PDB file of N, CA and C in Angstrom:
ATOM      1  N   MET A   1      11.422  27.051 -11.693  1.00  0.00           N
ATOM      2  CA  MET A   1      12.136  25.806 -11.858  1.00  0.00           C
ATOM      3  C   MET A   1      11.224  24.780 -12.514  1.00  0.00           C
ATOM      4  N   ARG A   2      11.831  23.837 -13.189  1.00  0.00           N
ATOM      5  CA  ARG A   2      11.082  22.741 -13.791  1.00  0.00           C
ATOM      6  C   ARG A   2      11.833  21.446 -13.521  1.00  0.00           C
ATOM      7  N   SER A   3      11.114  20.418 -13.166  1.00  0.00           N
ATOM      8  CA  SER A   3      11.704  19.102 -12.910  1.00  0.00           C
ATOM      9  C   SER A   3      10.941  18.047 -13.686  1.00  0.00           C
ATOM     10  N   ASP A   4      11.626  17.017 -14.141  1.00  0.00           N
ATOM     11  CA  ASP A   4      10.986  15.878 -14.791  1.00  0.00           C
ATOM     12  C   ASP A   4      10.816  14.775 -13.762  1.00  0.00           C
ATOM     13  N   LEU A   5       9.598  14.278 -13.616  1.00  0.00           N
ATOM     14  CA  LEU A   5       9.301  13.192 -12.695  1.00  0.00           C
ATOM     15  C   LEU A   5       8.830  11.989 -13.517  1.00  0.00           C
ATOM     16  N   PHE A   6       9.348  10.828 -13.243  1.00  0.00           N
ATOM     17  CA  PHE A   6       8.977   9.620 -13.956  1.00  0.00           C
ATOM     18  C   PHE A   6       8.292   8.673 -12.983  1.00  0.00           C
ATOM     19  N   PHE A   7       7.116   8.196 -13.350  1.00  0.00           N
ATOM     20  CA  PHE A   7       6.333   7.329 -12.489  1.00  0.00           C
ATOM     21  C   PHE A   7       6.102   5.983 -13.150  1.00  0.00           C
ATOM     22  N   LYS A   8       6.099   4.941 -12.344  1.00  0.00           N
ATOM     23  CA  LYS A   8       5.638   3.629 -12.782  1.00  0.00           C
ATOM     24  C   LYS A   8       4.292   3.424 -12.121  1.00  0.00           C
ATOM     25  N   VAL A   9       3.273   3.175 -12.902  1.00  0.00           N
ATOM     26  CA  VAL A   9       1.926   2.991 -12.380  1.00  0.00           C
ATOM     27  C   VAL A   9       1.458   1.597 -12.762  1.00  0.00           C
ATOM     28  N   GLU A  10       1.096   0.808 -11.773  1.00  0.00           N
ATOM     29  CA  GLU A  10       0.593  -0.539 -12.012  1.00  0.00           C
ATOM     30  C   GLU A  10      -0.907  -0.527 -11.775  1.00  0.00           C
ATOM     31  N   ILE A  11      -1.668  -0.970 -12.772  1.00  0.00           N
ATOM     32  CA  ILE A  11      -3.129  -0.951 -12.674  1.00  0.00           C
ATOM     33  C   ILE A  11      -3.676  -2.365 -12.860  1.00  0.00           C
ATOM     34  N   GLU A  12      -4.849  -2.587 -12.333  1.00  0.00           N
ATOM     35  CA  GLU A  12      -5.608  -3.803 -12.595  1.00  0.00           C
ATOM     36  C   GLU A  12      -6.761  -3.408 -13.494  1.00  0.00           C
ATOM     37  N   HIS A  13      -7.027  -4.240 -14.489  1.00  0.00           N
ATOM     38  CA  HIS A  13      -8.109  -3.929 -15.415  1.00  0.00           C
ATOM     39  C   HIS A  13      -8.702  -5.214 -15.970  1.00  0.00           C
ATOM     40  N   GLU A  14      -9.876  -5.091 -16.515  1.00  0.00           N
ATOM     41  CA  GLU A  14     -10.556  -6.224 -17.132  1.00  0.00           C
ATOM     42  C   GLU A  14      -9.873  -6.555 -18.457  1.00  0.00           C
ATOM     43  N   PRO A  15      -9.917  -7.815 -18.890  1.00  0.00           N
ATOM     44  CA  PRO A  15      -9.261  -8.210 -20.140  1.00  0.00           C
ATOM     45  C   PRO A  15      -9.720  -7.404 -21.356  1.00  0.00           C
ATOM     46  N   GLU A  16     -10.976  -6.987 -21.360  1.00  0.00           N
ATOM     47  CA  GLU A  16     -11.489  -6.241 -22.521  1.00  0.00           C
ATOM     48  C   GLU A  16     -11.086  -4.762 -22.511  1.00  0.00           C
ATOM     49  N   GLU A  17     -10.549  -4.269 -21.397  1.00  0.00           N
ATOM     50  CA  GLU A  17     -10.110  -2.875 -21.319  1.00  0.00           C
ATOM     51  C   GLU A  17      -8.737  -2.723 -21.982  1.00  0.00           C
ATOM     52  N   ASN A  18      -8.577  -1.637 -22.684  1.00  0.00           N
ATOM     53  CA  ASN A  18      -7.348  -1.357 -23.417  1.00  0.00           C
ATOM     54  C   ASN A  18      -6.357  -0.620 -22.502  1.00  0.00           C
ATOM     55  N   PRO A  19      -5.211  -1.237 -22.156  1.00  0.00           N
ATOM     56  CA  PRO A  19      -4.272  -0.575 -21.250  1.00  0.00           C
ATOM     57  C   PRO A  19      -3.699   0.720 -21.825  1.00  0.00           C
ATOM     58  N   LYS A  20      -3.552   0.788 -23.133  1.00  0.00           N
ATOM     59  CA  LYS A  20      -3.057   2.022 -23.753  1.00  0.00           C
ATOM     60  C   LYS A  20      -4.060   3.157 -23.549  1.00  0.00           C
ATOM     61  N   ALA A  21      -5.331   2.871 -23.737  1.00  0.00           N
ATOM     62  CA  ALA A  21      -6.377   3.880 -23.529  1.00  0.00           C
ATOM     63  C   ALA A  21      -6.434   4.299 -22.064  1.00  0.00           C
ATOM     64  N   LEU A  22      -6.292   3.342 -21.156  1.00  0.00           N
ATOM     65  CA  LEU A  22      -6.278   3.670 -19.732  1.00  0.00           C
ATOM     66  C   LEU A  22      -5.088   4.572 -19.410  1.00  0.00           C
ATOM     67  N   GLY A  23      -3.927   4.280 -19.987  1.00  0.00           N
ATOM     68  CA  GLY A  23      -2.750   5.112 -19.765  1.00  0.00           C
ATOM     69  C   GLY A  23      -2.943   6.529 -20.259  1.00  0.00           C
ATOM     70  N   HIS A  24      -3.577   6.669 -21.420  1.00  0.00           N
ATOM     71  CA  HIS A  24      -3.831   8.015 -21.945  1.00  0.00           C
ATOM     72  C   HIS A  24      -4.812   8.775 -21.055  1.00  0.00           C
ATOM     73  N   GLU A  25      -5.785   8.082 -20.498  1.00  0.00           N
ATOM     74  CA  GLU A  25      -6.731   8.727 -19.577  1.00  0.00           C
ATOM     75  C   GLU A  25      -6.035   9.165 -18.297  1.00  0.00           C
ATOM     76  N   ILE A  26      -5.137   8.339 -17.777  1.00  0.00           N
ATOM     77  CA  ILE A  26      -4.372   8.726 -16.586  1.00  0.00           C
ATOM     78  C   ILE A  26      -3.541   9.965 -16.886  1.00  0.00           C
ATOM     79  N   ALA A  27      -2.884  10.002 -18.048  1.00  0.00           N
ATOM     80  CA  ALA A  27      -2.092  11.178 -18.433  1.00  0.00           C
ATOM     81  C   ALA A  27      -2.982  12.415 -18.543  1.00  0.00           C
ATOM     82  N   ARG A  28      -4.190  12.253 -19.101  1.00  0.00           N
ATOM     83  CA  ARG A  28      -5.123  13.385 -19.226  1.00  0.00           C
ATOM     84  C   ARG A  28      -5.496  13.922 -17.850  1.00  0.00           C
ATOM     85  N   GLN A  29      -5.718  13.030 -16.900  1.00  0.00           N
ATOM     86  CA  GLN A  29      -6.064  13.454 -15.550  1.00  0.00           C
ATOM     87  C   GLN A  29      -4.886  14.167 -14.872  1.00  0.00           C
ATOM     88  N   ILE A  30      -3.685  13.688 -15.106  1.00  0.00           N
ATOM     89  CA  ILE A  30      -2.497  14.322 -14.523  1.00  0.00           C
ATOM     90  C   ILE A  30      -2.359  15.749 -15.041  1.00  0.00           C
ATOM     91  N   LEU A  31      -2.699  15.984 -16.302  1.00  0.00           N
ATOM     92  CA  LEU A  31      -2.598  17.332 -16.874  1.00  0.00           C
ATOM     93  C   LEU A  31      -3.510  18.333 -16.170  1.00  0.00           C
ATOM     94  N   LYS A  32      -4.533  17.846 -15.480  1.00  0.00           N
ATOM     95  CA  LYS A  32      -5.442  18.737 -14.760  1.00  0.00           C
ATOM     96  C   LYS A  32      -4.821  19.279 -13.478  1.00  0.00           C
ATOM     97  N   VAL A  33      -3.726  18.674 -13.031  1.00  0.00           N
ATOM     98  CA  VAL A  33      -3.068  19.095 -11.792  1.00  0.00           C
ATOM     99  C   VAL A  33      -2.307  20.395 -12.059  1.00  0.00           C
ATOM    100  N   TYR A  34      -2.444  21.347 -11.164  1.00  0.00           N
ATOM    101  CA  TYR A  34      -1.790  22.640 -11.310  1.00  0.00           C
ATOM    102  C   TYR A  34      -0.290  22.481 -11.477  1.00  0.00           C
ATOM    103  N   GLY A  35       0.267  23.131 -12.463  1.00  0.00           N
ATOM    104  CA  GLY A  35       1.708  23.147 -12.659  1.00  0.00           C
ATOM    105  C   GLY A  35       2.224  22.038 -13.563  1.00  0.00           C
ATOM    106  N   VAL A  36       1.387  21.055 -13.907  1.00  0.00           N
ATOM    107  CA  VAL A  36       1.844  20.001 -14.811  1.00  0.00           C
ATOM    108  C   VAL A  36       1.806  20.536 -16.238  1.00  0.00           C
ATOM    109  N   ARG A  37       2.959  20.540 -16.895  1.00  0.00           N
ATOM    110  CA  ARG A  37       3.072  21.098 -18.229  1.00  0.00           C
ATOM    111  C   ARG A  37       2.909  20.055 -19.321  1.00  0.00           C
ATOM    112  N   SER A  38       3.269  18.820 -19.038  1.00  0.00           N
ATOM    113  CA  SER A  38       3.050  17.750 -20.009  1.00  0.00           C
ATOM    114  C   SER A  38       2.970  16.406 -19.295  1.00  0.00           C
ATOM    115  N   ALA A  39       2.270  15.477 -19.900  1.00  0.00           N
ATOM    116  CA  ALA A  39       2.151  14.114 -19.396  1.00  0.00           C
ATOM    117  C   ALA A  39       1.904  13.221 -20.592  1.00  0.00           C
ATOM    118  N   GLU A  40       2.579  12.098 -20.644  1.00  0.00           N
ATOM    119  CA  GLU A  40       2.389  11.204 -21.769  1.00  0.00           C
ATOM    120  C   GLU A  40       2.656   9.765 -21.352  1.00  0.00           C
ATOM    121  N   LEU A  41       2.025   8.854 -22.074  1.00  0.00           N
ATOM    122  CA  LEU A  41       2.282   7.435 -21.891  1.00  0.00           C
ATOM    123  C   LEU A  41       3.399   7.060 -22.857  1.00  0.00           C
ATOM    124  N   SER A  42       4.526   6.639 -22.333  1.00  0.00           N
ATOM    125  CA  SER A  42       5.657   6.311 -23.215  1.00  0.00           C
ATOM    126  C   SER A  42       5.649   4.845 -23.612  1.00  0.00           C
ATOM    127  N   SER A  43       5.178   3.959 -22.747  1.00  0.00           N
ATOM    128  CA  SER A  43       5.098   2.541 -23.074  1.00  0.00           C
ATOM    129  C   SER A  43       4.275   1.825 -22.018  1.00  0.00           C
ATOM    130  N   PHE A  44       3.927   0.576 -22.310  1.00  0.00           N
ATOM    131  CA  PHE A  44       3.249  -0.240 -21.315  1.00  0.00           C
ATOM    132  C   PHE A  44       3.565  -1.701 -21.581  1.00  0.00           C
ATOM    133  N   THR A  45       3.456  -2.507 -20.544  1.00  0.00           N
ATOM    134  CA  THR A  45       3.581  -3.952 -20.655  1.00  0.00           C
ATOM    135  C   THR A  45       2.383  -4.586 -19.980  1.00  0.00           C
ATOM    136  N   THR A  46       2.015  -5.760 -20.420  1.00  0.00           N
ATOM    137  CA  THR A  46       0.884  -6.468 -19.839  1.00  0.00           C
ATOM    138  C   THR A  46       1.351  -7.844 -19.398  1.00  0.00           C
ATOM    139  N   SER A  47       0.945  -8.256 -18.203  1.00  0.00           N
ATOM    140  CA  SER A  47       1.282  -9.598 -17.725  1.00  0.00           C
ATOM    141  C   SER A  47       0.067 -10.210 -17.060  1.00  0.00           C
ATOM    142  N   GLU A  48      -0.047 -11.504 -17.176  1.00  0.00           N
ATOM    143  CA  GLU A  48      -1.125 -12.235 -16.521  1.00  0.00           C
ATOM    144  C   GLU A  48      -0.638 -12.664 -15.154  1.00  0.00           C
ATOM    145  N   GLU A  49      -1.485 -12.574 -14.150  1.00  0.00           N
ATOM    146  CA  GLU A  49      -1.083 -12.975 -12.785  1.00  0.00           C
ATOM    147  C   GLU A  49      -1.226 -14.455 -12.604  1.00  0.00           C
TER     148      GLU A  49
END
């Protein structure tokens, strides 16, 4: 069986850190999990607190 799971991940980061790059790194780490066939960053938004 195969299922699609969609996650919303909220991160805190320094202003100089690139949220797109962080998202790609999170996706890369998810791919290391057994059984994960694909992971990708589809979009991101940034807001100031």
